[in-house]
Structures are given as structure tokens and as C-alpha cells.
Amino acid sequence: MEKKLTQTEYRSLAYTLRSIKPLGMCCGNVLLETIYTEPIENSPKAHGKQNCIVQCPECKKMYVSKF
């Protein structure tokens, strides 16, 4: 289930994670689950540049990915 973070909390977490391509894989053929979506506050133009934090359900490793 996706959780809500403030923009500051999200950025702090996202800057510490490695990037992975959208629909990238971890631990073989396991699809990653989206756990956080970048909050967009008062910026509808930023929607196309939005990213998310995904997590492998097997090893629990988290990555930043384009949305």
C-alpha cells in the first residue's frame, strides 16, 4: 500500500536511494512495488517529471524510478 510523505520527507529519502529504470527488476524476475509517489504541491506541470520510490518484495531493497 502506498504511503504519503511530505515533499521534504520524500526528497530526503529519494536522494539516498539508487535509481532504477521504470519497470526495472531486482532479484531476478520480481516486479517492484511502488511504495511512495513523489508529492506534487501546486505544480501541475511537474506531473510528467514525477518519480516514485519502489521496493522489491523479495529483498526489500528500495530504488527511485521514473513514474
PDB file of N, CA and C in Angstrom:
ATOM      1  N   MET A   1       0.836  -1.174   0.000  1.00  0.00           N
ATOM      2  CA  MET A   1       0.000   0.000   0.000  1.00  0.00           C
ATOM      3  C   MET A   1       0.893   1.254   0.000  1.00  0.00           C
ATOM      4  N   GLU A   2       0.575   2.182  -0.844  1.00  0.00           N
ATOM      5  CA  GLU A   2       1.345   3.406  -0.968  1.00  0.00           C
ATOM      6  C   GLU A   2       1.113   4.310   0.244  1.00  0.00           C
ATOM      7  N   LYS A   3       2.217   4.885   0.751  1.00  0.00           N
ATOM      8  CA  LYS A   3       2.146   5.761   1.914  1.00  0.00           C
ATOM      9  C   LYS A   3       2.353   7.203   1.467  1.00  0.00           C
ATOM     10  N   LYS A   4       1.916   8.156   2.285  1.00  0.00           N
ATOM     11  CA  LYS A   4       2.052   9.584   1.980  1.00  0.00           C
ATOM     12  C   LYS A   4       3.226  10.170   2.744  1.00  0.00           C
ATOM     13  N   LEU A   5       4.030  10.965   2.051  1.00  0.00           N
ATOM     14  CA  LEU A   5       5.129  11.702   2.652  1.00  0.00           C
ATOM     15  C   LEU A   5       5.022  13.154   2.230  1.00  0.00           C
ATOM     16  N   THR A   6       5.582  14.047   3.042  1.00  0.00           N
ATOM     17  CA  THR A   6       5.667  15.432   2.602  1.00  0.00           C
ATOM     18  C   THR A   6       6.751  15.502   1.529  1.00  0.00           C
ATOM     19  N   GLN A   7       6.786  16.596   0.785  1.00  0.00           N
ATOM     20  CA  GLN A   7       7.782  16.752  -0.260  1.00  0.00           C
ATOM     21  C   GLN A   7       9.201  16.714   0.329  1.00  0.00           C
ATOM     22  N   THR A   8       9.407  17.321   1.484  1.00  0.00           N
ATOM     23  CA  THR A   8      10.719  17.324   2.137  1.00  0.00           C
ATOM     24  C   THR A   8      11.124  15.917   2.563  1.00  0.00           C
ATOM     25  N   GLU A   9      10.202  15.176   3.167  1.00  0.00           N
ATOM     26  CA  GLU A   9      10.485  13.794   3.582  1.00  0.00           C
ATOM     27  C   GLU A   9      10.806  12.921   2.370  1.00  0.00           C
ATOM     28  N   TYR A  10      10.027  13.100   1.304  1.00  0.00           N
ATOM     29  CA  TYR A  10      10.235  12.315   0.094  1.00  0.00           C
ATOM     30  C   TYR A  10      11.623  12.592  -0.499  1.00  0.00           C
ATOM     31  N   ARG A  11      11.970  13.855  -0.657  1.00  0.00           N
ATOM     32  CA  ARG A  11      13.270  14.210  -1.241  1.00  0.00           C
ATOM     33  C   ARG A  11      14.424  13.680  -0.396  1.00  0.00           C
ATOM     34  N   SER A  12      14.306  13.782   0.905  1.00  0.00           N
ATOM     35  CA  SER A  12      15.343  13.283   1.797  1.00  0.00           C
ATOM     36  C   SER A  12      15.570  11.787   1.583  1.00  0.00           C
ATOM     37  N   LEU A  13      14.505  11.031   1.463  1.00  0.00           N
ATOM     38  CA  LEU A  13      14.610   9.598   1.221  1.00  0.00           C
ATOM     39  C   LEU A  13      15.106   9.310  -0.192  1.00  0.00           C
ATOM     40  N   ALA A  14      14.562   9.991  -1.179  1.00  0.00           N
ATOM     41  CA  ALA A  14      14.894   9.728  -2.578  1.00  0.00           C
ATOM     42  C   ALA A  14      16.364   9.995  -2.885  1.00  0.00           C
ATOM     43  N   TYR A  15      16.964  10.997  -2.253  1.00  0.00           N
ATOM     44  CA  TYR A  15      18.363  11.333  -2.533  1.00  0.00           C
ATOM     45  C   TYR A  15      19.332  10.273  -2.011  1.00  0.00           C
ATOM     46  N   THR A  16      18.888   9.403  -1.130  1.00  0.00           N
ATOM     47  CA  THR A  16      19.768   8.372  -0.582  1.00  0.00           C
ATOM     48  C   THR A  16      19.662   7.041  -1.333  1.00  0.00           C
ATOM     49  N   LEU A  17      18.725   6.943  -2.269  1.00  0.00           N
ATOM     50  CA  LEU A  17      18.492   5.679  -2.977  1.00  0.00           C
ATOM     51  C   LEU A  17      19.088   5.682  -4.378  1.00  0.00           C
ATOM     52  N   ARG A  18      19.426   4.499  -4.877  1.00  0.00           N
ATOM     53  CA  ARG A  18      19.892   4.355  -6.252  1.00  0.00           C
ATOM     54  C   ARG A  18      18.702   4.423  -7.199  1.00  0.00           C
ATOM     55  N   SER A  19      18.964   4.870  -8.416  1.00  0.00           N
ATOM     56  CA  SER A  19      17.919   4.922  -9.442  1.00  0.00           C
ATOM     57  C   SER A  19      17.811   3.577 -10.143  1.00  0.00           C
ATOM     58  N   ILE A  20      16.610   3.300 -10.626  1.00  0.00           N
ATOM     59  CA  ILE A  20      16.366   2.102 -11.425  1.00  0.00           C
ATOM     60  C   ILE A  20      15.413   2.500 -12.544  1.00  0.00           C
ATOM     61  N   LYS A  21      15.556   1.881 -13.702  1.00  0.00           N
ATOM     62  CA  LYS A  21      14.685   2.203 -14.832  1.00  0.00           C
ATOM     63  C   LYS A  21      13.252   1.787 -14.514  1.00  0.00           C
ATOM     64  N   PRO A  22      12.277   2.514 -15.086  1.00  0.00           N
ATOM     65  CA  PRO A  22      10.872   2.107 -14.886  1.00  0.00           C
ATOM     66  C   PRO A  22      10.676   0.645 -15.300  1.00  0.00           C
ATOM     67  N   LEU A  23       9.915  -0.057 -14.513  1.00  0.00           N
ATOM     68  CA  LEU A  23       9.649  -1.487 -14.695  1.00  0.00           C
ATOM     69  C   LEU A  23      10.929  -2.306 -14.615  1.00  0.00           C
ATOM     70  N   GLY A  24      11.941  -1.761 -13.938  1.00  0.00           N
ATOM     71  CA  GLY A  24      13.184  -2.496 -13.725  1.00  0.00           C
ATOM     72  C   GLY A  24      12.954  -3.673 -12.789  1.00  0.00           C
ATOM     73  N   MET A  25      13.921  -4.559 -12.756  1.00  0.00           N
ATOM     74  CA  MET A  25      13.793  -5.774 -11.952  1.00  0.00           C
ATOM     75  C   MET A  25      14.851  -5.801 -10.856  1.00  0.00           C
ATOM     76  N   CYS A  26      14.575  -6.511  -9.811  1.00  0.00           N
ATOM     77  CA  CYS A  26      15.505  -6.776  -8.720  1.00  0.00           C
ATOM     78  C   CYS A  26      15.278  -8.236  -8.338  1.00  0.00           C
ATOM     79  N   CYS A  27      16.307  -8.911  -7.915  1.00  0.00           N
ATOM     80  CA  CYS A  27      16.169 -10.340  -7.519  1.00  0.00           C
ATOM     81  C   CYS A  27      15.581 -11.197  -8.643  1.00  0.00           C
ATOM     82  N   GLY A  28      16.018 -11.001  -9.855  1.00  0.00           N
ATOM     83  CA  GLY A  28      15.539 -11.820 -10.968  1.00  0.00           C
ATOM     84  C   GLY A  28      14.332 -11.225 -11.645  1.00  0.00           C
ATOM     85  N   ASN A  29      13.226 -11.945 -11.661  1.00  0.00           N
ATOM     86  CA  ASN A  29      12.036 -11.530 -12.400  1.00  0.00           C
ATOM     87  C   ASN A  29      10.936 -10.945 -11.513  1.00  0.00           C
ATOM     88  N   VAL A  30      11.310 -10.427 -10.363  1.00  0.00           N
ATOM     89  CA  VAL A  30      10.321  -9.883  -9.435  1.00  0.00           C
ATOM     90  C   VAL A  30      10.020  -8.433  -9.807  1.00  0.00           C
ATOM     91  N   LEU A  31       8.755  -8.105 -10.023  1.00  0.00           N
ATOM     92  CA  LEU A  31       8.366  -6.722 -10.291  1.00  0.00           C
ATOM     93  C   LEU A  31       8.402  -5.926  -8.997  1.00  0.00           C
ATOM     94  N   LEU A  32       8.869  -4.696  -9.089  1.00  0.00           N
ATOM     95  CA  LEU A  32       8.969  -3.843  -7.917  1.00  0.00           C
ATOM     96  C   LEU A  32       7.627  -3.197  -7.609  1.00  0.00           C
ATOM     97  N   GLU A  33       7.354  -2.984  -6.336  1.00  0.00           N
ATOM     98  CA  GLU A  33       6.102  -2.370  -5.897  1.00  0.00           C
ATOM     99  C   GLU A  33       6.333  -0.893  -5.593  1.00  0.00           C
ATOM    100  N   THR A  34       5.421  -0.030  -6.019  1.00  0.00           N
ATOM    101  CA  THR A  34       5.500   1.392  -5.695  1.00  0.00           C
ATOM    102  C   THR A  34       5.061   1.577  -4.248  1.00  0.00           C
ATOM    103  N   ILE A  35       5.947   2.181  -3.438  1.00  0.00           N
ATOM    104  CA  ILE A  35       5.571   2.404  -2.041  1.00  0.00           C
ATOM    105  C   ILE A  35       5.384   3.883  -1.722  1.00  0.00           C
ATOM    106  N   TYR A  36       6.056   4.780  -2.466  1.00  0.00           N
ATOM    107  CA  TYR A  36       5.869   6.226  -2.299  1.00  0.00           C
ATOM    108  C   TYR A  36       5.837   6.873  -3.676  1.00  0.00           C
ATOM    109  N   THR A  37       4.950   7.816  -3.872  1.00  0.00           N
ATOM    110  CA  THR A  37       4.919   8.609  -5.095  1.00  0.00           C
ATOM    111  C   THR A  37       5.299  10.031  -4.725  1.00  0.00           C
ATOM    112  N   GLU A  38       6.147  10.646  -5.553  1.00  0.00           N
ATOM    113  CA  GLU A  38       6.605  11.999  -5.275  1.00  0.00           C
ATOM    114  C   GLU A  38       5.424  12.945  -5.125  1.00  0.00           C
ATOM    115  N   PRO A  39       5.336  13.660  -4.001  1.00  0.00           N
ATOM    116  CA  PRO A  39       4.245  14.619  -3.844  1.00  0.00           C
ATOM    117  C   PRO A  39       4.451  15.820  -4.762  1.00  0.00           C
ATOM    118  N   ILE A  40       3.405  16.270  -5.390  1.00  0.00           N
ATOM    119  CA  ILE A  40       3.462  17.452  -6.249  1.00  0.00           C
ATOM    120  C   ILE A  40       2.541  18.488  -5.634  1.00  0.00           C
ATOM    121  N   GLU A  41       3.151  19.535  -5.129  1.00  0.00           N
ATOM    122  CA  GLU A  41       2.381  20.577  -4.462  1.00  0.00           C
ATOM    123  C   GLU A  41       2.312  21.819  -5.338  1.00  0.00           C
ATOM    124  N   ASN A  42       1.125  22.149  -5.802  1.00  0.00           N
ATOM    125  CA  ASN A  42       0.892  23.362  -6.594  1.00  0.00           C
ATOM    126  C   ASN A  42       1.730  23.447  -7.860  1.00  0.00           C
ATOM    127  N   SER A  43       1.985  22.331  -8.512  1.00  0.00           N
ATOM    128  CA  SER A  43       2.792  22.347  -9.727  1.00  0.00           C
ATOM    129  C   SER A  43       2.285  21.308 -10.723  1.00  0.00           C
ATOM    130  N   PRO A  44       1.189  21.597 -11.420  1.00  0.00           N
ATOM    131  CA  PRO A  44       0.658  20.615 -12.368  1.00  0.00           C
ATOM    132  C   PRO A  44       1.618  20.315 -13.523  1.00  0.00           C
ATOM    133  N   LYS A  45       2.528  21.233 -13.845  1.00  0.00           N
ATOM    134  CA  LYS A  45       3.484  20.998 -14.927  1.00  0.00           C
ATOM    135  C   LYS A  45       4.509  19.936 -14.554  1.00  0.00           C
ATOM    136  N   ALA A  46       4.750  19.740 -13.281  1.00  0.00           N
ATOM    137  CA  ALA A  46       5.738  18.767 -12.823  1.00  0.00           C
ATOM    138  C   ALA A  46       5.230  17.335 -12.921  1.00  0.00           C
ATOM    139  N   HIS A  47       3.950  17.147 -13.196  1.00  0.00           N
ATOM    140  CA  HIS A  47       3.363  15.799 -13.210  1.00  0.00           C
ATOM    141  C   HIS A  47       4.087  14.863 -14.170  1.00  0.00           C
ATOM    142  N   GLY A  48       4.499  15.336 -15.321  1.00  0.00           N
ATOM    143  CA  GLY A  48       5.193  14.488 -16.286  1.00  0.00           C
ATOM    144  C   GLY A  48       6.597  14.113 -15.855  1.00  0.00           C
ATOM    145  N   LYS A  49       7.164  14.850 -14.904  1.00  0.00           N
ATOM    146  CA  LYS A  49       8.512  14.581 -14.415  1.00  0.00           C
ATOM    147  C   LYS A  49       8.502  13.881 -13.066  1.00  0.00           C
ATOM    148  N   GLN A  50       7.357  13.457 -12.630  1.00  0.00           N
ATOM    149  CA  GLN A  50       7.198  12.842 -11.313  1.00  0.00           C
ATOM    150  C   GLN A  50       7.935  11.506 -11.245  1.00  0.00           C
ATOM    151  N   ASN A  51       8.461  11.193 -10.075  1.00  0.00           N
ATOM    152  CA  ASN A  51       9.063   9.881  -9.900  1.00  0.00           C
ATOM    153  C   ASN A  51       8.453   9.211  -8.675  1.00  0.00           C
ATOM    154  N   CYS A  52       8.929   8.018  -8.370  1.00  0.00           N
ATOM    155  CA  CYS A  52       8.387   7.281  -7.242  1.00  0.00           C
ATOM    156  C   CYS A  52       9.490   6.445  -6.608  1.00  0.00           C
ATOM    157  N   ILE A  53       9.221   5.960  -5.424  1.00  0.00           N
ATOM    158  CA  ILE A  53      10.130   5.049  -4.742  1.00  0.00           C
ATOM    159  C   ILE A  53       9.482   3.676  -4.784  1.00  0.00           C
ATOM    160  N   VAL A  54      10.251   2.721  -5.283  1.00  0.00           N
ATOM    161  CA  VAL A  54       9.758   1.358  -5.427  1.00  0.00           C
ATOM    162  C   VAL A  54      10.555   0.443  -4.510  1.00  0.00           C
ATOM    163  N   GLN A  55       9.959  -0.719  -4.210  1.00  0.00           N
ATOM    164  CA  GLN A  55      10.619  -1.667  -3.317  1.00  0.00           C
ATOM    165  C   GLN A  55      10.458  -3.080  -3.846  1.00  0.00           C
ATOM    166  N   CYS A  56      11.519  -3.860  -3.743  1.00  0.00           N
ATOM    167  CA  CYS A  56      11.476  -5.268  -4.131  1.00  0.00           C
ATOM    168  C   CYS A  56      10.752  -6.045  -3.031  1.00  0.00           C
ATOM    169  N   PRO A  57       9.726  -6.820  -3.385  1.00  0.00           N
ATOM    170  CA  PRO A  57       9.006  -7.584  -2.360  1.00  0.00           C
ATOM    171  C   PRO A  57       9.836  -8.741  -1.794  1.00  0.00           C
ATOM    172  N   GLU A  58      10.899  -9.139  -2.505  1.00  0.00           N
ATOM    173  CA  GLU A  58      11.733 -10.252  -2.049  1.00  0.00           C
ATOM    174  C   GLU A  58      12.797  -9.798  -1.045  1.00  0.00           C
ATOM    175  N   CYS A  59      13.672  -8.852  -1.455  1.00  0.00           N
ATOM    176  CA  CYS A  59      14.794  -8.445  -0.604  1.00  0.00           C
ATOM    177  C   CYS A  59      14.532  -7.135   0.140  1.00  0.00           C
ATOM    178  N   LYS A  60      13.409  -6.463  -0.163  1.00  0.00           N
ATOM    179  CA  LYS A  60      13.003  -5.202   0.475  1.00  0.00           C
ATOM    180  C   LYS A  60      13.914  -4.023   0.128  1.00  0.00           C
ATOM    181  N   LYS A  61      14.757  -4.160  -0.903  1.00  0.00           N
ATOM    182  CA  LYS A  61      15.616  -3.062  -1.339  1.00  0.00           C
ATOM    183  C   LYS A  61      14.759  -2.011  -2.033  1.00  0.00           C
ATOM    184  N   MET A  62      15.052  -0.718  -1.785  1.00  0.00           N
ATOM    185  CA  MET A  62      14.265   0.370  -2.374  1.00  0.00           C
ATOM    186  C   MET A  62      15.106   1.117  -3.412  1.00  0.00           C
ATOM    187  N   TYR A  63      14.414   1.632  -4.431  1.00  0.00           N
ATOM    188  CA  TYR A  63      15.018   2.401  -5.518  1.00  0.00           C
ATOM    189  C   TYR A  63      14.133   3.583  -5.854  1.00  0.00           C
ATOM    190  N   VAL A  64      14.712   4.570  -6.572  1.00  0.00           N
ATOM    191  CA  VAL A  64      13.935   5.672  -7.135  1.00  0.00           C
ATOM    192  C   VAL A  64      13.740   5.345  -8.604  1.00  0.00           C
ATOM    193  N   SER A  65      12.524   5.551  -9.113  1.00  0.00           N
ATOM    194  CA  SER A  65      12.200   5.246 -10.502  1.00  0.00           C
ATOM    195  C   SER A  65      11.342   6.374 -11.089  1.00  0.00           C
ATOM    196  N   LYS A  66      11.451   6.592 -12.394  1.00  0.00           N
ATOM    197  CA  LYS A  66      10.522   7.497 -13.067  1.00  0.00           C
ATOM    198  C   LYS A  66       9.137   6.895 -12.928  1.00  0.00           C
ATOM    199  N   PHE A  67       8.135   7.752 -12.804  1.00  0.00           N
ATOM    200  CA  PHE A  67       6.762   7.291 -12.605  1.00  0.00           C
ATOM    201  C   PHE A  67       6.134   6.880 -13.906  1.00  0.00           C
TER     202      PHE A  67
END
